[in-house]
């Protein structure tokens, strides 16, 4: 499968490539539009529509993701990548939750894919878990050093890339996309 990702985020691109072996996924070069939507799906669609204009003959993937914390009523959510400008996002979240006992959180990815024949496919991947009280592990990026998946005692950064490539929120969304495309 040949696809283009409507993002230049190298980490997301790498994760999608590993989650979808056998696919060729390249980034769309150019300045992506601002994420002005009020849901992950809306932001992913904005990217997919922009990407479709750049690459009309291949599958275009728009993606948006975030971390939602129960103690913060779902925040930072849509703003996960930019809610603490100039700071490491994971460290800022740990500091914000330092006195909170409710550590429940979930990582969410929504993919909106536009096919060359004009179909739109929307899929979601969710990873439930809790937040550690400190950074642990060296693999992954973003919130991986502080996110502990349900059923685990280690953070995603401690569990490692092989596990993440099969089980992360982004991998789950990628697998759902692959399954949706194979059943249509």
C-alpha atoms as a PDB file:
ATOM      1  CA  UNK A   1       0.000   0.000   0.000  1.00  0.00           C
ATOM      2  CA  UNK A   2       1.315   3.420  -0.945  1.00  0.00           C
ATOM      3  CA  UNK A   3       0.262   6.215   1.410  1.00  0.00           C
ATOM      4  CA  UNK A   4       1.193   9.762   2.293  1.00  0.00           C
ATOM      5  CA  UNK A   5       1.039  11.166   5.807  1.00  0.00           C
ATOM      6  CA  UNK A   6      -0.261  14.723   6.062  1.00  0.00           C
ATOM      7  CA  UNK A   7       2.345  15.574   8.691  1.00  0.00           C
ATOM      8  CA  UNK A   8       6.072  16.031   8.890  1.00  0.00           C
ATOM      9  CA  UNK A   9       6.283  14.654  12.430  1.00  0.00           C
ATOM     10  CA  UNK A  10       9.094  12.114  12.090  1.00  0.00           C
ATOM     11  CA  UNK A  11       8.054  10.236  15.242  1.00  0.00           C
ATOM     12  CA  UNK A  12       4.486   9.698  14.011  1.00  0.00           C
ATOM     13  CA  UNK A  13       5.731   8.730  10.562  1.00  0.00           C
ATOM     14  CA  UNK A  14       8.124   6.184  12.066  1.00  0.00           C
ATOM     15  CA  UNK A  15       5.424   4.669  14.267  1.00  0.00           C
ATOM     16  CA  UNK A  16       2.997   4.322  11.362  1.00  0.00           C
ATOM     17  CA  UNK A  17       5.663   2.707   9.188  1.00  0.00           C
ATOM     18  CA  UNK A  18       6.412   0.154  11.905  1.00  0.00           C
ATOM     19  CA  UNK A  19       2.726  -0.494  12.637  1.00  0.00           C
ATOM     20  CA  UNK A  20       1.978  -1.066   8.952  1.00  0.00           C
ATOM     21  CA  UNK A  21       4.741  -3.337   7.618  1.00  0.00           C
ATOM     22  CA  UNK A  22       4.680  -3.695   3.861  1.00  0.00           C
ATOM     23  CA  UNK A  23       3.245  -0.218   3.389  1.00  0.00           C
ATOM     24  CA  UNK A  24       5.236   2.639   1.906  1.00  0.00           C
ATOM     25  CA  UNK A  25       4.360   5.785   3.846  1.00  0.00           C
ATOM     26  CA  UNK A  26       6.009   9.093   3.057  1.00  0.00           C
ATOM     27  CA  UNK A  27       5.348  12.538   4.508  1.00  0.00           C
ATOM     28  CA  UNK A  28       3.686  15.252   2.504  1.00  0.00           C
ATOM     29  CA  UNK A  29       6.128  18.115   2.233  1.00  0.00           C
ATOM     30  CA  UNK A  30       4.791  21.584   2.795  1.00  0.00           C
ATOM     31  CA  UNK A  31       3.263  23.667   5.514  1.00  0.00           C
ATOM     32  CA  UNK A  32       0.292  21.781   6.915  1.00  0.00           C
ATOM     33  CA  UNK A  33      -2.784  23.797   7.873  1.00  0.00           C
ATOM     34  CA  UNK A  34      -3.446  24.902  11.426  1.00  0.00           C
ATOM     35  CA  UNK A  35      -5.302  22.428  13.609  1.00  0.00           C
ATOM     36  CA  UNK A  36      -8.422  24.488  14.286  1.00  0.00           C
ATOM     37  CA  UNK A  37     -10.870  21.637  14.897  1.00  0.00           C
ATOM     38  CA  UNK A  38     -12.583  20.965  18.198  1.00  0.00           C
ATOM     39  CA  UNK A  39     -12.073  17.178  18.064  1.00  0.00           C
ATOM     40  CA  UNK A  40      -9.256  14.830  17.093  1.00  0.00           C
ATOM     41  CA  UNK A  41     -11.346  13.764  14.121  1.00  0.00           C
ATOM     42  CA  UNK A  42     -11.840  17.344  12.941  1.00  0.00           C
ATOM     43  CA  UNK A  43      -8.098  18.034  13.135  1.00  0.00           C
ATOM     44  CA  UNK A  44      -7.250  14.773  11.369  1.00  0.00           C
ATOM     45  CA  UNK A  45      -9.774  15.645   8.644  1.00  0.00           C
ATOM     46  CA  UNK A  46      -8.243  19.110   8.173  1.00  0.00           C
ATOM     47  CA  UNK A  47      -4.893  17.435   7.554  1.00  0.00           C
ATOM     48  CA  UNK A  48      -6.367  14.758   5.264  1.00  0.00           C
ATOM     49  CA  UNK A  49      -8.176  17.324   3.120  1.00  0.00           C
ATOM     50  CA  UNK A  50      -4.991  19.381   2.836  1.00  0.00           C
ATOM     51  CA  UNK A  51      -3.010  16.236   2.037  1.00  0.00           C
ATOM     52  CA  UNK A  52      -5.489  15.120  -0.629  1.00  0.00           C
ATOM     53  CA  UNK A  53      -4.823  18.375  -2.516  1.00  0.00           C
ATOM     54  CA  UNK A  54      -1.081  17.624  -2.412  1.00  0.00           C
ATOM     55  CA  UNK A  55      -1.309  13.907  -3.277  1.00  0.00           C
ATOM     56  CA  UNK A  56      -4.527  13.119  -5.155  1.00  0.00           C
ATOM     57  CA  UNK A  57      -3.524   9.679  -6.447  1.00  0.00           C
ATOM     58  CA  UNK A  58      -2.608   7.834  -3.239  1.00  0.00           C
ATOM     59  CA  UNK A  59      -4.093   7.070   0.163  1.00  0.00           C
ATOM     60  CA  UNK A  60      -3.704  10.163   2.347  1.00  0.00           C
ATOM     61  CA  UNK A  61      -3.569   9.820   6.128  1.00  0.00           C
ATOM     62  CA  UNK A  62      -4.500  12.661   8.449  1.00  0.00           C
ATOM     63  CA  UNK A  63      -3.816  11.941  12.126  1.00  0.00           C
ATOM     64  CA  UNK A  64      -4.377  13.692  15.415  1.00  0.00           C
ATOM     65  CA  UNK A  65      -3.647  12.407  18.869  1.00  0.00           C
ATOM     66  CA  UNK A  66      -3.421  13.404  22.485  1.00  0.00           C
ATOM     67  CA  UNK A  67      -3.362  12.338  26.095  1.00  0.00           C
ATOM     68  CA  UNK A  68      -6.426  12.764  28.291  1.00  0.00           C
ATOM     69  CA  UNK A  69      -6.118  12.869  32.078  1.00  0.00           C
ATOM     70  CA  UNK A  70      -9.075  12.116  34.351  1.00  0.00           C
ATOM     71  CA  UNK A  71      -7.874  14.549  37.033  1.00  0.00           C
ATOM     72  CA  UNK A  72      -7.833  17.332  34.425  1.00  0.00           C
ATOM     73  CA  UNK A  73     -11.260  16.551  32.961  1.00  0.00           C
ATOM     74  CA  UNK A  74      -9.673  15.159  29.802  1.00  0.00           C
ATOM     75  CA  UNK A  75      -6.976  17.794  29.363  1.00  0.00           C
ATOM     76  CA  UNK A  76      -4.575  18.379  27.745  1.00  0.00           C
ATOM     77  CA  UNK A  77      -6.425  16.408  25.025  1.00  0.00           C
ATOM     78  CA  UNK A  78      -6.375  18.199  21.690  1.00  0.00           C
ATOM     79  CA  UNK A  79      -3.670  20.513  22.986  1.00  0.00           C
ATOM     80  CA  UNK A  80      -1.282  17.768  24.148  1.00  0.00           C
ATOM     81  CA  UNK A  81       1.543  18.818  21.842  1.00  0.00           C
ATOM     82  CA  UNK A  82       1.331  22.520  22.646  1.00  0.00           C
ATOM     83  CA  UNK A  83      -0.291  23.059  26.037  1.00  0.00           C
ATOM     84  CA  UNK A  84       2.934  23.987  27.840  1.00  0.00           C
ATOM     85  CA  UNK A  85       4.930  26.115  25.362  1.00  0.00           C
ATOM     86  CA  UNK A  86       8.676  26.061  25.846  1.00  0.00           C
ATOM     87  CA  UNK A  87       8.531  23.142  28.299  1.00  0.00           C
ATOM     88  CA  UNK A  88       8.869  19.409  27.950  1.00  0.00           C
ATOM     89  CA  UNK A  89       5.223  18.341  27.725  1.00  0.00           C
ATOM     90  CA  UNK A  90       5.627  15.199  29.853  1.00  0.00           C
ATOM     91  CA  UNK A  91       7.510  17.060  32.594  1.00  0.00           C
ATOM     92  CA  UNK A  92       4.897  19.817  32.570  1.00  0.00           C
ATOM     93  CA  UNK A  93       2.117  17.247  32.957  1.00  0.00           C
ATOM     94  CA  UNK A  94       3.919  15.550  35.845  1.00  0.00           C
ATOM     95  CA  UNK A  95       4.310  18.900  37.566  1.00  0.00           C
ATOM     96  CA  UNK A  96       0.643  19.773  37.008  1.00  0.00           C
ATOM     97  CA  UNK A  97      -0.468  16.431  38.479  1.00  0.00           C
ATOM     98  CA  UNK A  98       2.067  16.323  41.334  1.00  0.00           C
ATOM     99  CA  UNK A  99      -0.589  16.560  44.038  1.00  0.00           C
ATOM    100  CA  UNK A 100      -3.281  14.567  42.227  1.00  0.00           C
ATOM    101  CA  UNK A 101      -4.136  11.048  43.363  1.00  0.00           C
ATOM    102  CA  UNK A 102      -6.246  10.242  40.302  1.00  0.00           C
ATOM    103  CA  UNK A 103      -3.614   9.119  37.779  1.00  0.00           C
ATOM    104  CA  UNK A 104      -5.996   7.613  35.191  1.00  0.00           C
ATOM    105  CA  UNK A 105      -5.234   8.639  31.640  1.00  0.00           C
ATOM    106  CA  UNK A 106      -5.660   7.502  28.092  1.00  0.00           C
ATOM    107  CA  UNK A 107      -3.823   8.112  24.866  1.00  0.00           C
ATOM    108  CA  UNK A 108      -6.001   8.624  21.786  1.00  0.00           C
ATOM    109  CA  UNK A 109      -5.299   8.667  18.063  1.00  0.00           C
ATOM    110  CA  UNK A 110      -7.820   9.339  15.329  1.00  0.00           C
ATOM    111  CA  UNK A 111      -6.950   8.746  11.690  1.00  0.00           C
ATOM    112  CA  UNK A 112      -8.949  10.163   8.815  1.00  0.00           C
ATOM    113  CA  UNK A 113      -7.842   8.581   5.554  1.00  0.00           C
ATOM    114  CA  UNK A 114      -8.877   9.706   2.091  1.00  0.00           C
ATOM    115  CA  UNK A 115      -8.646   7.071  -0.622  1.00  0.00           C
ATOM    116  CA  UNK A 116      -7.832   7.868  -4.254  1.00  0.00           C
ATOM    117  CA  UNK A 117     -11.408   6.861  -5.196  1.00  0.00           C
ATOM    118  CA  UNK A 118     -12.882   9.504  -2.871  1.00  0.00           C
ATOM    119  CA  UNK A 119     -13.834   7.479   0.201  1.00  0.00           C
ATOM    120  CA  UNK A 120     -13.161   8.706   3.721  1.00  0.00           C
ATOM    121  CA  UNK A 121     -12.278   6.224   6.446  1.00  0.00           C
ATOM    122  CA  UNK A 122     -12.253   7.277  10.104  1.00  0.00           C
ATOM    123  CA  UNK A 123     -10.676   5.044  12.760  1.00  0.00           C
ATOM    124  CA  UNK A 124      -9.587   5.464  16.361  1.00  0.00           C
ATOM    125  CA  UNK A 125      -7.028   3.850  18.630  1.00  0.00           C
ATOM    126  CA  UNK A 126      -7.108   4.186  22.417  1.00  0.00           C
ATOM    127  CA  UNK A 127      -4.629   3.041  25.049  1.00  0.00           C
ATOM    128  CA  UNK A 128      -5.929   3.179  28.612  1.00  0.00           C
ATOM    129  CA  UNK A 129      -3.576   3.509  31.545  1.00  0.00           C
ATOM    130  CA  UNK A 130      -2.264   5.662  34.341  1.00  0.00           C
ATOM    131  CA  UNK A 131       0.450   8.258  34.742  1.00  0.00           C
ATOM    132  CA  UNK A 132       3.614   7.494  36.658  1.00  0.00           C
ATOM    133  CA  UNK A 133       4.874   9.977  39.224  1.00  0.00           C
ATOM    134  CA  UNK A 134       8.247  10.335  37.495  1.00  0.00           C
ATOM    135  CA  UNK A 135       9.894   9.697  34.128  1.00  0.00           C
ATOM    136  CA  UNK A 136      11.024   6.146  33.485  1.00  0.00           C
ATOM    137  CA  UNK A 137      12.556   4.499  30.442  1.00  0.00           C
ATOM    138  CA  UNK A 138      14.475   5.622  27.407  1.00  0.00           C
ATOM    139  CA  UNK A 139      12.446   4.460  24.404  1.00  0.00           C
ATOM    140  CA  UNK A 140       9.676   6.329  22.655  1.00  0.00           C
ATOM    141  CA  UNK A 141       8.879  10.027  22.716  1.00  0.00           C
ATOM    142  CA  UNK A 142       6.375  12.514  24.079  1.00  0.00           C
ATOM    143  CA  UNK A 143       4.409  11.100  26.984  1.00  0.00           C
ATOM    144  CA  UNK A 144       5.847   7.552  26.706  1.00  0.00           C
ATOM    145  CA  UNK A 145       8.190   7.950  29.734  1.00  0.00           C
ATOM    146  CA  UNK A 146       5.252   8.737  32.047  1.00  0.00           C
ATOM    147  CA  UNK A 147       2.420   6.595  30.628  1.00  0.00           C
ATOM    148  CA  UNK A 148       1.785   3.155  32.176  1.00  0.00           C
ATOM    149  CA  UNK A 149      -0.621   1.015  30.104  1.00  0.00           C
ATOM    150  CA  UNK A 150      -3.355  -0.912  31.931  1.00  0.00           C
ATOM    151  CA  UNK A 151      -2.041  -4.248  33.123  1.00  0.00           C
ATOM    152  CA  UNK A 152       1.543  -2.990  33.198  1.00  0.00           C
ATOM    153  CA  UNK A 153       3.791  -1.600  35.904  1.00  0.00           C
ATOM    154  CA  UNK A 154       6.286  -0.137  33.430  1.00  0.00           C
ATOM    155  CA  UNK A 155       5.938   2.958  31.296  1.00  0.00           C
ATOM    156  CA  UNK A 156       5.721   2.671  27.520  1.00  0.00           C
ATOM    157  CA  UNK A 157       9.313   3.961  27.392  1.00  0.00           C
ATOM    158  CA  UNK A 158      10.384   1.056  29.626  1.00  0.00           C
ATOM    159  CA  UNK A 159       8.383  -1.623  27.820  1.00  0.00           C
ATOM    160  CA  UNK A 160      10.037  -0.680  24.556  1.00  0.00           C
ATOM    161  CA  UNK A 161       9.488  -0.011  20.908  1.00  0.00           C
ATOM    162  CA  UNK A 162       8.537  -3.570  19.904  1.00  0.00           C
ATOM    163  CA  UNK A 163       5.564  -3.537  22.295  1.00  0.00           C
ATOM    164  CA  UNK A 164       4.638   0.011  21.309  1.00  0.00           C
ATOM    165  CA  UNK A 165       4.655  -0.814  17.596  1.00  0.00           C
ATOM    166  CA  UNK A 166       1.906  -3.372  18.188  1.00  0.00           C
ATOM    167  CA  UNK A 167      -0.071  -1.875  21.078  1.00  0.00           C
ATOM    168  CA  UNK A 168       0.154   1.920  21.219  1.00  0.00           C
ATOM    169  CA  UNK A 169      -2.835   4.129  20.517  1.00  0.00           C
ATOM    170  CA  UNK A 170      -1.318   5.026  17.146  1.00  0.00           C
ATOM    171  CA  UNK A 171      -0.611   1.372  16.293  1.00  0.00           C
ATOM    172  CA  UNK A 172      -4.193   0.456  17.213  1.00  0.00           C
ATOM    173  CA  UNK A 173      -5.536   3.181  14.925  1.00  0.00           C
ATOM    174  CA  UNK A 174      -3.166   2.075  12.139  1.00  0.00           C
ATOM    175  CA  UNK A 175      -4.310  -1.536  12.491  1.00  0.00           C
ATOM    176  CA  UNK A 176      -7.953  -0.405  12.398  1.00  0.00           C
ATOM    177  CA  UNK A 177      -7.201   1.509   9.178  1.00  0.00           C
ATOM    178  CA  UNK A 178      -5.535  -1.533   7.627  1.00  0.00           C
ATOM    179  CA  UNK A 179      -8.529  -3.699   8.593  1.00  0.00           C
ATOM    180  CA  UNK A 180     -11.052  -1.151   7.272  1.00  0.00           C
ATOM    181  CA  UNK A 181      -9.243  -0.954   3.944  1.00  0.00           C
ATOM    182  CA  UNK A 182      -9.012  -4.741   3.597  1.00  0.00           C
ATOM    183  CA  UNK A 183     -12.733  -5.186   4.284  1.00  0.00           C
ATOM    184  CA  UNK A 184     -13.906  -2.545   1.826  1.00  0.00           C
END
